[in-house]
Amino acid sequence: MIMNKDRNGIEKFISNSSSPLILLGTFILMFGAAFSFYFLQPYFEEIYLERMNTAWGMTLMVVGFSLLAVKVSFLIYILFLYLRYKVIKPISNSELPLLTVIVPAYNEGELVYKTLISLAESDYPAEKVQILSIDDGSQDDTWQWMKKAKNELGNRVSIYQQPKNKGKRHALYRGFNLATGDVFITVDSDSIVKKDTLRIMASPFIVDKNCGAVAGNVRVLNRDKALIPRMLNVSFAFSFEFIRSAQSRLGSVLCTPGALSAYRKEAVFNCLPDWINQTFMGQVSKIGEDRAMTNMILKQGYKVLFQRNAFVYTNIPERYKNLSKMFIRWERSNIRENIAMSKFAFTDFRDGSKSGTRILLLNQWLKMTMAYPGLLLMLFFIVTYPVLFLSSTLVSILAFSSIQAIFYAKKHSVSEAFWAYPYSVFYAFTLFWITPYAIATAGRSGWLTRDLTKKQLKKQQVIAVSS
């Protein structure tokens, strides 16, 4: 135990002490690339003229500028929607609906205990809240921590144990069927909610009868422990507070996150059989349960909204290997559900305008369809024009990351906003392969990030025997 604490302390010290160097190095790279455009301008002009003199080169330039124009236009459209977004204010205790909070857990250890405590400490009227937690056949001490929470909270929480690991979808399915509330809220077992989060999440269902689901605002809990969470904290803020705010203005948030989502009871039970029995390429779907539920609720004609001030803080991977696995799982889910959404998005699936929803979907398809051409072009330029590729990539990162940085600086912290730049460099050069790989392996359904290694399992067995 002492050795683990020392090691964690050392890793945190290294992370904190190296942070200024990483930021400095990132800016040296990007500004160096910008200066290279100035000093090597004759060389780049020669390449440009050479390419424009061939049909292939001209086609490439036209396609490139067209894609850039589409992406910039989409960003302007999202900005327009974001500026019109408004949160739905929380309602009074007497108006609040009966609520069931469902916490599925697998190999989560002490974190599930902290999650359940944070839920019980919410300012939602205790008599209107049912808290359920389902252990999905964990191999570690998750069940012991759930029993500890039960002993402390008494009737405030009910705990259940699956006989074997069936996957998060089945744990949620059991929770839905045990629920007595009119609104269901799902919370990941490694997440902490603020006191007013449940109230803010439940309010839209009373204010807007067409609301079928609500997405919460996910922030990074372990952002001070390692470099990857620190970088992703800025990306998460932009993804949720900017992108989902815009999507909410259309009533079409594309994914209610597993960390914090809310659903209308009727909307869930209308699609529950299809959801639990969902397949892809003949295989039972074990991933993407959040995006799948969102799709099925949108298909019913309901709105899916986002509550920007409903905060949940969740742990994310601190190492590259686990991070890449998480992104692969997310991308596989996006691919599957973009296909599923395409089957109803261009029909008369709900009243009112549907063009905005379709634009959001088409943007998703643009990313997918350009994955392989983009990868091939990247490899081509690395081989033929490496200086041009490196400098143009870094300058592009400097330009587009500034949008995220400015947004985060205005909403949260100026100093933390600078992490938008190293994260973009990190993603561009080490995670660019995620989408092409996810497309090629979309039929796989492994969770990837929650299974215990043999070493971890042996450690847990030793602890269990000694206790």
Protein backbone atom coordinates (compact mmCIF):
# COMPACT_ATOMS: atom_id res chain seq x y z
CA MET A 1 0.00 0.00 0.00
CA ILE A 2 2.80 2.41 0.93
CA MET A 3 4.70 1.54 -2.24
CA ASN A 4 1.61 2.26 -4.36
CA LYS A 5 1.12 5.61 -2.67
CA ASP A 6 4.78 6.51 -3.21
CA ARG A 7 4.61 5.50 -6.86
CA ASN A 8 1.43 7.52 -7.41
CA GLY A 9 3.05 10.49 -5.73
CA ILE A 10 6.15 10.20 -7.92
CA GLU A 11 4.02 9.92 -11.09
CA LYS A 12 2.01 12.98 -10.06
CA PHE A 13 5.22 14.94 -9.35
CA ILE A 14 6.68 14.00 -12.73
CA SER A 15 3.40 14.93 -14.42
CA ASN A 16 3.21 18.33 -12.73
CA SER A 17 6.90 19.20 -13.15
CA SER A 18 6.96 18.25 -16.83
CA SER A 19 3.80 20.19 -17.70
CA PRO A 20 5.52 23.54 -18.45
CA LEU A 21 8.08 21.78 -20.64
CA ILE A 22 5.37 20.01 -22.61
CA LEU A 23 3.48 23.24 -23.18
CA LEU A 24 6.68 25.06 -24.14
CA GLY A 25 7.69 22.29 -26.52
CA THR A 26 4.26 22.28 -28.16
CA PHE A 27 4.34 26.01 -28.85
CA ILE A 28 7.90 25.85 -30.14
CA LEU A 29 6.77 23.18 -32.62
CA MET A 30 3.71 25.08 -33.79
CA PHE A 31 5.29 28.52 -34.08
CA GLY A 32 8.32 26.94 -35.70
CA ALA A 33 5.97 25.48 -38.29
CA ALA A 34 4.38 28.89 -38.81
CA PHE A 35 7.77 30.51 -39.37
CA SER A 36 8.69 27.74 -41.81
CA PHE A 37 5.84 28.86 -44.03
CA TYR A 38 7.41 32.29 -44.18
CA PHE A 39 11.00 31.22 -44.74
CA LEU A 40 10.18 28.32 -47.08
CA GLN A 41 7.47 30.14 -49.01
CA PRO A 42 9.28 29.84 -52.41
CA TYR A 43 9.61 26.07 -51.89
CA PHE A 44 5.91 25.69 -51.02
CA GLU A 45 4.88 27.84 -54.00
CA GLU A 46 6.92 25.59 -56.27
CA ILE A 47 5.13 22.51 -54.91
CA TYR A 48 1.78 24.24 -55.35
CA LEU A 49 2.47 25.14 -58.98
CA GLU A 50 3.79 21.65 -59.67
CA ARG A 51 0.59 20.06 -58.34
CA MET A 52 -1.68 22.53 -60.12
CA ASN A 53 -0.14 21.58 -63.46
CA THR A 54 -1.52 18.04 -63.17
CA ALA A 55 -5.16 16.95 -63.28
CA TRP A 56 -4.68 14.85 -60.14
CA GLY A 57 -3.07 17.71 -58.26
CA MET A 58 -5.78 20.17 -59.28
CA THR A 59 -8.50 17.71 -58.27
CA LEU A 60 -6.82 17.22 -54.92
CA MET A 61 -6.64 20.95 -54.30
CA VAL A 62 -10.28 21.51 -55.22
CA VAL A 63 -11.46 18.64 -53.01
CA GLY A 64 -9.27 19.86 -50.15
CA PHE A 65 -10.56 23.42 -50.26
CA SER A 66 -14.14 22.15 -50.63
CA LEU A 67 -13.82 19.99 -47.52
CA LEU A 68 -12.28 22.88 -45.62
CA ALA A 69 -15.17 25.13 -46.67
CA VAL A 70 -17.70 22.50 -45.53
CA LYS A 71 -16.02 22.09 -42.12
CA VAL A 72 -15.76 25.85 -41.56
CA SER A 73 -19.39 26.32 -42.59
CA PHE A 74 -20.44 23.56 -40.19
CA LEU A 75 -18.46 25.19 -37.38
CA ILE A 76 -20.18 28.52 -38.05
CA TYR A 77 -23.55 26.74 -38.00
CA ILE A 78 -22.71 25.11 -34.65
CA LEU A 79 -21.61 28.49 -33.27
CA PHE A 80 -24.94 30.01 -34.34
CA LEU A 81 -26.84 27.24 -32.52
CA TYR A 82 -24.61 27.47 -29.46
CA LEU A 83 -25.31 31.19 -29.06
CA ARG A 84 -29.04 30.43 -29.00
CA TYR A 85 -28.80 27.63 -26.45
CA LYS A 86 -30.40 28.01 -23.01
CA VAL A 87 -30.44 25.60 -20.10
CA ILE A 88 -33.77 24.60 -18.56
CA LYS A 89 -33.89 25.95 -15.03
CA PRO A 90 -34.43 23.51 -12.14
CA ILE A 91 -37.97 23.25 -10.81
CA SER A 92 -39.33 23.15 -7.25
CA ASN A 93 -39.44 20.08 -5.01
CA SER A 94 -43.19 19.67 -5.41
CA GLU A 95 -42.88 19.60 -9.21
CA LEU A 96 -40.00 17.13 -9.40
CA PRO A 97 -40.88 13.67 -10.76
CA LEU A 98 -40.26 10.34 -9.08
CA LEU A 99 -36.70 9.42 -9.97
CA THR A 100 -34.73 6.19 -10.27
CA VAL A 101 -30.95 6.39 -10.45
CA ILE A 102 -29.23 3.30 -11.89
CA VAL A 103 -25.51 2.65 -11.34
CA PRO A 104 -24.09 -0.38 -13.19
CA ALA A 105 -20.67 -1.47 -11.92
CA TYR A 106 -17.96 -3.81 -13.12
CA ASN A 107 -14.47 -4.09 -11.62
CA GLU A 108 -14.77 -0.58 -10.20
CA GLY A 109 -13.62 -1.15 -6.61
CA GLU A 110 -13.90 1.77 -4.20
CA LEU A 111 -15.07 4.19 -6.88
CA VAL A 112 -18.59 2.74 -6.89
CA TYR A 113 -18.85 3.50 -3.17
CA LYS A 114 -17.92 7.14 -3.79
CA THR A 115 -20.44 7.33 -6.63
CA LEU A 116 -23.30 6.04 -4.47
CA ILE A 117 -22.41 8.39 -1.60
CA SER A 118 -22.40 11.40 -3.94
CA LEU A 119 -25.83 10.42 -5.28
CA ALA A 120 -27.27 10.04 -1.78
CA GLU A 121 -25.96 13.49 -0.86
CA SER A 122 -27.88 15.16 -3.72
CA ASP A 123 -30.43 17.86 -2.89
CA TYR A 124 -33.21 15.88 -4.61
CA PRO A 125 -36.05 15.05 -2.14
CA ALA A 126 -35.12 11.68 -0.61
CA GLU A 127 -38.69 10.39 -0.76
CA LYS A 128 -38.69 10.87 -4.55
CA VAL A 129 -35.43 9.05 -5.29
CA GLN A 130 -34.75 5.37 -5.77
CA ILE A 131 -31.03 4.49 -6.10
CA LEU A 132 -30.17 1.11 -7.62
CA SER A 133 -26.70 -0.33 -8.17
CA ILE A 134 -26.03 -3.55 -10.08
CA ASP A 135 -22.72 -5.40 -9.82
CA ASP A 136 -22.24 -7.00 -13.23
CA GLY A 137 -20.25 -10.03 -12.06
CA SER A 138 -17.13 -8.11 -11.00
CA GLN A 139 -13.92 -10.01 -10.36
CA ASP A 140 -12.57 -7.51 -7.83
CA ASP A 141 -13.95 -6.10 -4.55
CA THR A 142 -16.69 -3.99 -6.15
CA TRP A 143 -19.45 -5.94 -4.40
CA GLN A 144 -17.82 -5.35 -0.99
CA TRP A 145 -17.76 -1.60 -1.60
CA MET A 146 -21.38 -1.69 -2.70
CA LYS A 147 -22.30 -3.48 0.54
CA LYS A 148 -20.38 -0.85 2.50
CA ALA A 149 -22.45 1.87 0.80
CA LYS A 150 -25.61 -0.09 1.57
CA ASN A 151 -24.67 -0.41 5.25
CA GLU A 152 -24.11 3.35 5.51
CA LEU A 153 -27.05 4.52 3.41
CA GLY A 154 -29.63 1.91 4.42
CA ASN A 155 -32.88 2.18 2.48
CA ARG A 156 -31.49 5.02 0.36
CA VAL A 157 -29.83 2.47 -1.92
CA SER A 158 -30.62 -1.04 -3.19
CA ILE A 159 -27.85 -3.28 -4.50
CA TYR A 160 -28.02 -6.30 -6.77
CA GLN A 161 -25.47 -8.75 -8.13
CA GLN A 162 -25.50 -10.40 -11.53
CA PRO A 163 -24.56 -14.12 -11.34
CA LYS A 164 -21.95 -13.53 -14.05
CA ASN A 165 -20.66 -10.71 -16.20
CA LYS A 166 -23.18 -10.04 -18.98
CA GLY A 167 -22.16 -6.52 -19.96
CA LYS A 168 -23.26 -3.01 -19.03
CA ARG A 169 -26.36 -3.18 -21.25
CA HIS A 170 -27.74 -6.14 -19.28
CA ALA A 171 -26.97 -4.48 -15.95
CA LEU A 172 -28.89 -1.37 -17.07
CA TYR A 173 -31.71 -3.57 -18.40
CA ARG A 174 -32.13 -5.12 -14.97
CA GLY A 175 -32.11 -1.67 -13.42
CA PHE A 176 -34.76 -0.37 -15.83
CA ASN A 177 -37.04 -3.27 -14.95
CA LEU A 178 -36.56 -2.73 -11.22
CA ALA A 179 -37.12 1.02 -11.47
CA THR A 180 -40.21 2.65 -9.97
CA GLY A 181 -39.55 6.24 -11.04
CA ASP A 182 -41.06 8.20 -13.92
CA VAL A 183 -37.58 9.38 -14.96
CA PHE A 184 -34.50 7.15 -15.08
CA ILE A 185 -30.99 8.52 -14.58
CA THR A 186 -27.96 6.37 -15.37
CA VAL A 187 -24.59 7.15 -13.80
CA ASP A 188 -21.29 5.38 -14.36
CA SER A 189 -19.76 3.76 -11.29
CA ASP A 190 -16.58 5.84 -11.48
CA SER A 191 -18.39 9.19 -11.47
CA ILE A 192 -19.21 11.85 -8.90
CA VAL A 193 -22.23 14.14 -9.29
CA LYS A 194 -22.71 17.61 -7.82
CA LYS A 195 -25.48 18.16 -5.28
CA ASP A 196 -27.86 19.81 -7.75
CA THR A 197 -27.15 17.53 -10.73
CA LEU A 198 -30.11 15.18 -10.31
CA ARG A 199 -32.56 18.07 -9.97
CA ILE A 200 -31.19 19.79 -13.07
CA MET A 201 -31.31 16.55 -15.08
CA ALA A 202 -34.91 15.74 -14.13
CA SER A 203 -36.42 19.20 -14.68
CA PRO A 204 -36.61 19.18 -18.54
CA PHE A 205 -39.01 16.21 -18.48
CA ILE A 206 -41.59 18.29 -16.60
CA VAL A 207 -40.97 21.57 -18.44
CA ASP A 208 -40.99 19.99 -21.93
CA LYS A 209 -43.38 17.08 -22.56
CA ASN A 210 -41.53 16.29 -25.80
CA CYS A 211 -38.26 15.68 -23.97
CA GLY A 212 -37.36 11.99 -24.10
CA ALA A 213 -33.77 12.09 -22.89
CA VAL A 214 -31.22 14.47 -21.38
CA ALA A 215 -27.42 14.41 -21.56
CA GLY A 216 -25.34 15.62 -18.62
CA ASN A 217 -22.12 17.65 -18.71
CA VAL A 218 -19.15 15.31 -18.26
CA ARG A 219 -15.94 16.67 -16.79
CA VAL A 220 -12.69 14.87 -15.97
CA LEU A 221 -12.36 13.82 -12.32
CA ASN A 222 -8.70 12.73 -12.40
CA ARG A 223 -7.37 15.68 -14.41
CA ASP A 224 -4.68 16.46 -11.81
CA LYS A 225 -3.26 12.93 -11.73
CA ALA A 226 -1.75 12.55 -15.21
CA LEU A 227 -1.09 14.39 -18.45
CA ILE A 228 -3.68 12.60 -20.59
CA PRO A 229 -6.65 13.46 -18.31
CA ARG A 230 -5.38 17.04 -18.04
CA MET A 231 -5.32 17.41 -21.80
CA LEU A 232 -8.68 15.70 -22.31
CA ASN A 233 -10.35 17.94 -19.75
CA VAL A 234 -10.26 20.82 -22.25
CA SER A 235 -11.45 18.60 -25.09
CA PHE A 236 -14.35 17.29 -22.98
CA ALA A 237 -15.46 20.81 -22.09
CA PHE A 238 -15.54 21.79 -25.76
CA SER A 239 -17.28 18.59 -26.82
CA PHE A 240 -20.04 18.90 -24.24
CA GLU A 241 -20.48 22.60 -23.55
CA PHE A 242 -20.08 23.76 -27.15
CA ILE A 243 -21.04 20.86 -29.43
CA ARG A 244 -23.83 19.35 -27.35
CA SER A 245 -25.24 22.77 -26.51
CA ALA A 246 -25.64 23.36 -30.24
CA GLN A 247 -27.14 19.90 -30.78
CA SER A 248 -29.55 20.52 -27.90
CA ARG A 249 -30.84 23.64 -29.63
CA LEU A 250 -32.04 21.26 -32.36
CA GLY A 251 -33.43 18.80 -29.82
CA SER A 252 -31.02 16.26 -31.29
CA VAL A 253 -28.10 15.53 -29.00
CA LEU A 254 -26.59 12.52 -30.76
CA CYS A 255 -25.37 10.68 -27.67
CA THR A 256 -26.44 10.72 -24.04
CA PRO A 257 -23.19 9.77 -22.26
CA GLY A 258 -22.92 6.74 -20.03
CA ALA A 259 -21.42 8.86 -17.27
CA LEU A 260 -24.67 10.83 -16.83
CA SER A 261 -27.92 10.52 -18.78
CA ALA A 262 -31.62 10.78 -18.05
CA TYR A 263 -34.56 9.12 -19.83
CA ARG A 264 -38.34 9.33 -19.77
CA LYS A 265 -39.77 6.02 -18.54
CA GLU A 266 -42.22 5.65 -21.45
CA ALA A 267 -39.50 6.35 -24.02
CA VAL A 268 -37.26 3.65 -22.52
CA PHE A 269 -39.93 0.96 -22.36
CA ASN A 270 -41.11 1.74 -25.88
CA CYS A 271 -37.74 0.59 -27.23
CA LEU A 272 -36.41 -1.67 -24.46
CA PRO A 273 -36.93 -5.01 -26.29
CA ASP A 274 -35.16 -3.70 -29.41
CA TRP A 275 -32.39 -2.17 -27.31
CA ILE A 276 -31.55 -5.28 -25.27
CA ASN A 277 -31.73 -7.53 -28.35
CA GLN A 278 -29.81 -5.20 -30.68
CA THR A 279 -27.36 -6.85 -33.05
CA PHE A 280 -24.75 -5.70 -35.54
CA MET A 281 -23.50 -7.88 -38.36
CA GLY A 282 -25.26 -10.84 -36.75
CA GLN A 283 -23.54 -10.34 -33.38
CA VAL A 284 -25.20 -9.24 -30.14
CA SER A 285 -24.28 -5.61 -29.39
CA LYS A 286 -22.32 -5.26 -26.16
CA ILE A 287 -21.04 -1.70 -26.65
CA GLY A 288 -22.60 1.64 -27.48
CA GLU A 289 -25.64 1.18 -25.26
CA ASP A 290 -25.83 4.94 -24.64
CA ARG A 291 -25.76 5.98 -28.30
CA ALA A 292 -28.18 3.15 -29.18
CA MET A 293 -30.70 4.30 -26.56
CA THR A 294 -30.37 7.88 -27.79
CA ASN A 295 -31.04 6.82 -31.37
CA MET A 296 -34.09 4.79 -30.43
CA ILE A 297 -35.56 7.67 -28.43
CA LEU A 298 -34.92 10.15 -31.25
CA LYS A 299 -36.61 7.71 -33.64
CA GLN A 300 -39.78 7.88 -31.51
CA GLY A 301 -40.01 11.61 -32.19
CA TYR A 302 -38.79 12.79 -28.79
CA LYS A 303 -36.27 15.57 -28.24
CA VAL A 304 -32.89 14.78 -26.70
CA LEU A 305 -31.55 17.76 -24.76
CA PHE A 306 -28.38 18.78 -22.93
CA GLN A 307 -28.20 20.40 -19.50
CA ARG A 308 -24.92 22.34 -19.39
CA ASN A 309 -25.04 22.96 -15.62
CA ALA A 310 -25.69 19.30 -14.69
CA PHE A 311 -22.12 18.26 -13.86
CA VAL A 312 -20.67 14.80 -13.39
CA TYR A 313 -16.97 14.18 -12.81
CA THR A 314 -15.68 10.90 -14.16
CA ASN A 315 -12.36 9.09 -14.35
CA ILE A 316 -10.76 8.60 -17.75
CA PRO A 317 -7.72 6.50 -18.73
CA GLU A 318 -4.36 7.86 -17.66
CA ARG A 319 -2.29 5.74 -20.04
CA TYR A 320 -2.14 5.69 -23.81
CA LYS A 321 -3.08 2.02 -24.16
CA ASN A 322 -6.31 2.35 -22.19
CA LEU A 323 -7.13 5.67 -23.82
CA SER A 324 -6.83 4.19 -27.31
CA LYS A 325 -9.07 1.28 -26.29
CA MET A 326 -11.70 3.69 -25.02
CA PHE A 327 -11.62 5.69 -28.26
CA ILE A 328 -11.84 2.53 -30.35
CA ARG A 329 -14.96 1.47 -28.44
CA TRP A 330 -16.52 4.91 -28.90
CA GLU A 331 -15.73 5.02 -32.62
CA ARG A 332 -17.12 1.52 -33.23
CA SER A 333 -20.30 2.61 -31.53
CA ASN A 334 -20.48 5.79 -33.62
CA ILE A 335 -20.09 3.81 -36.83
CA ARG A 336 -22.83 1.37 -35.90
CA GLU A 337 -25.25 4.02 -34.70
CA ASN A 338 -24.62 6.38 -37.63
CA ILE A 339 -25.80 3.52 -39.83
CA ALA A 340 -28.82 2.93 -37.58
CA MET A 341 -29.67 6.64 -37.46
CA SER A 342 -29.50 6.92 -41.24
CA LYS A 343 -32.44 4.50 -41.48
CA PHE A 344 -34.84 6.98 -39.87
CA ALA A 345 -33.22 10.45 -39.97
CA PHE A 346 -34.36 11.11 -43.53
CA THR A 347 -37.95 10.03 -42.84
CA ASP A 348 -40.73 12.02 -41.17
CA PHE A 349 -39.66 10.73 -37.75
CA ARG A 350 -40.97 13.70 -35.74
CA ASP A 351 -42.95 16.92 -35.99
CA GLY A 352 -41.22 20.15 -36.93
CA SER A 353 -37.97 20.78 -38.73
CA LYS A 354 -35.61 17.85 -39.17
CA SER A 355 -32.97 19.48 -41.36
CA GLY A 356 -30.66 20.31 -38.45
CA THR A 357 -30.67 16.70 -37.25
CA ARG A 358 -29.80 15.55 -40.76
CA ILE A 359 -26.94 18.05 -41.00
CA LEU A 360 -25.49 16.65 -37.77
CA LEU A 361 -25.69 13.12 -39.16
CA LEU A 362 -24.14 14.10 -42.50
CA ASN A 363 -21.21 15.64 -40.64
CA GLN A 364 -20.72 12.31 -38.88
CA TRP A 365 -20.74 10.53 -42.23
CA LEU A 366 -18.21 13.00 -43.65
CA LYS A 367 -15.76 12.03 -40.92
CA MET A 368 -16.31 8.33 -41.63
CA THR A 369 -16.08 8.51 -45.41
CA MET A 370 -12.90 10.60 -45.30
CA ALA A 371 -11.12 8.31 -42.84
CA TYR A 372 -9.33 6.14 -45.40
CA PRO A 373 -8.74 8.80 -48.08
CA GLY A 374 -7.38 11.06 -45.38
CA LEU A 375 -5.06 8.34 -44.10
CA LEU A 376 -3.75 7.59 -47.60
CA LEU A 377 -3.16 11.27 -48.33
CA MET A 378 -1.32 11.67 -45.05
CA LEU A 379 1.00 8.78 -45.90
CA PHE A 380 1.53 10.19 -49.41
CA PHE A 381 2.55 13.62 -48.14
CA ILE A 382 4.79 12.16 -45.43
CA VAL A 383 6.73 10.29 -48.12
CA THR A 384 6.77 12.96 -50.84
CA TYR A 385 6.64 16.31 -48.99
CA PRO A 386 7.53 15.65 -45.31
CA VAL A 387 8.38 19.29 -44.50
CA LEU A 388 5.16 20.55 -46.05
CA PHE A 389 3.14 17.88 -44.24
CA LEU A 390 4.66 18.58 -40.82
CA SER A 391 4.46 22.36 -41.07
CA SER A 392 0.91 22.45 -42.50
CA THR A 393 -0.34 19.97 -39.89
CA LEU A 394 1.09 21.96 -37.00
CA VAL A 395 -0.18 25.28 -38.35
CA SER A 396 -3.65 23.76 -38.76
CA ILE A 397 -3.50 22.55 -35.16
CA LEU A 398 -2.47 26.04 -34.03
CA ALA A 399 -5.47 27.54 -35.83
CA PHE A 400 -8.23 25.09 -34.93
CA SER A 401 -7.04 24.35 -31.39
CA SER A 402 -7.24 28.06 -30.67
CA ILE A 403 -11.01 27.78 -30.99
CA GLN A 404 -11.11 25.22 -28.16
CA ALA A 405 -8.56 27.14 -26.10
CA ILE A 406 -10.42 30.45 -26.36
CA PHE A 407 -13.70 28.74 -25.49
CA TYR A 408 -12.21 27.05 -22.42
CA ALA A 409 -10.39 30.20 -21.31
CA LYS A 410 -13.62 32.18 -21.43
CA LYS A 411 -15.70 29.56 -19.61
CA HIS A 412 -13.23 28.08 -17.15
CA SER A 413 -9.50 28.75 -16.83
CA VAL A 414 -6.99 30.62 -18.97
CA SER A 415 -4.00 28.58 -17.78
CA GLU A 416 -5.72 25.21 -18.35
CA ALA A 417 -6.92 26.31 -21.80
CA PHE A 418 -3.41 25.96 -23.23
CA TRP A 419 -3.72 22.17 -22.94
CA ALA A 420 -5.91 22.24 -26.05
CA TYR A 421 -2.74 22.56 -28.13
CA PRO A 422 -0.66 19.60 -26.86
CA TYR A 423 -3.75 17.40 -26.91
CA SER A 424 -4.37 18.18 -30.57
CA VAL A 425 -0.73 17.43 -31.39
CA PHE A 426 -0.96 14.24 -29.32
CA TYR A 427 -4.14 13.14 -31.14
CA ALA A 428 -2.91 14.06 -34.61
CA PHE A 429 0.31 12.06 -34.34
CA THR A 430 -0.63 9.14 -32.06
CA LEU A 431 -4.39 8.56 -32.38
CA PHE A 432 -5.03 9.35 -36.06
CA TRP A 433 -5.50 5.63 -36.75
CA ILE A 434 -8.49 5.17 -34.42
CA THR A 435 -11.32 5.87 -36.88
CA PRO A 436 -9.91 3.80 -39.80
CA TYR A 437 -9.22 0.92 -37.41
CA ALA A 438 -12.67 1.18 -35.82
CA ILE A 439 -14.32 1.07 -39.26
CA ALA A 440 -12.36 -2.07 -40.17
CA THR A 441 -13.27 -3.75 -36.85
CA ALA A 442 -16.77 -2.33 -36.31
CA GLY A 443 -18.21 -5.82 -35.77
CA ARG A 444 -16.17 -6.43 -32.62
CA SER A 445 -17.88 -5.81 -29.30
CA GLY A 446 -15.25 -6.07 -26.57
CA TRP A 447 -15.44 -3.49 -23.76
CA LEU A 448 -11.60 -3.41 -23.73
CA THR A 449 -10.95 -1.20 -20.68
CA ARG A 450 -12.56 -2.84 -17.62
CA ASP A 451 -11.16 -6.38 -17.64
CA LEU A 452 -8.62 -7.14 -14.96
CA THR A 453 -5.17 -8.34 -15.95
CA LYS A 454 -3.91 -11.63 -14.53
CA LYS A 455 -1.67 -9.66 -12.17
CA GLN A 456 -4.58 -7.54 -10.91
CA LEU A 457 -6.82 -10.59 -10.50
CA LYS A 458 -4.15 -12.42 -8.51
CA LYS A 459 -3.72 -9.37 -6.28
CA GLN A 460 -7.46 -9.22 -5.62
CA GLN A 461 -7.51 -12.93 -4.74
CA VAL A 462 -4.65 -12.44 -2.27
CA ILE A 463 -6.49 -9.54 -0.62
CA ALA A 464 -9.69 -11.60 -0.40
CA VAL A 465 -7.88 -14.54 1.24
CA SER A 466 -6.03 -12.32 3.73
CA SER A 467 -9.23 -10.54 4.78
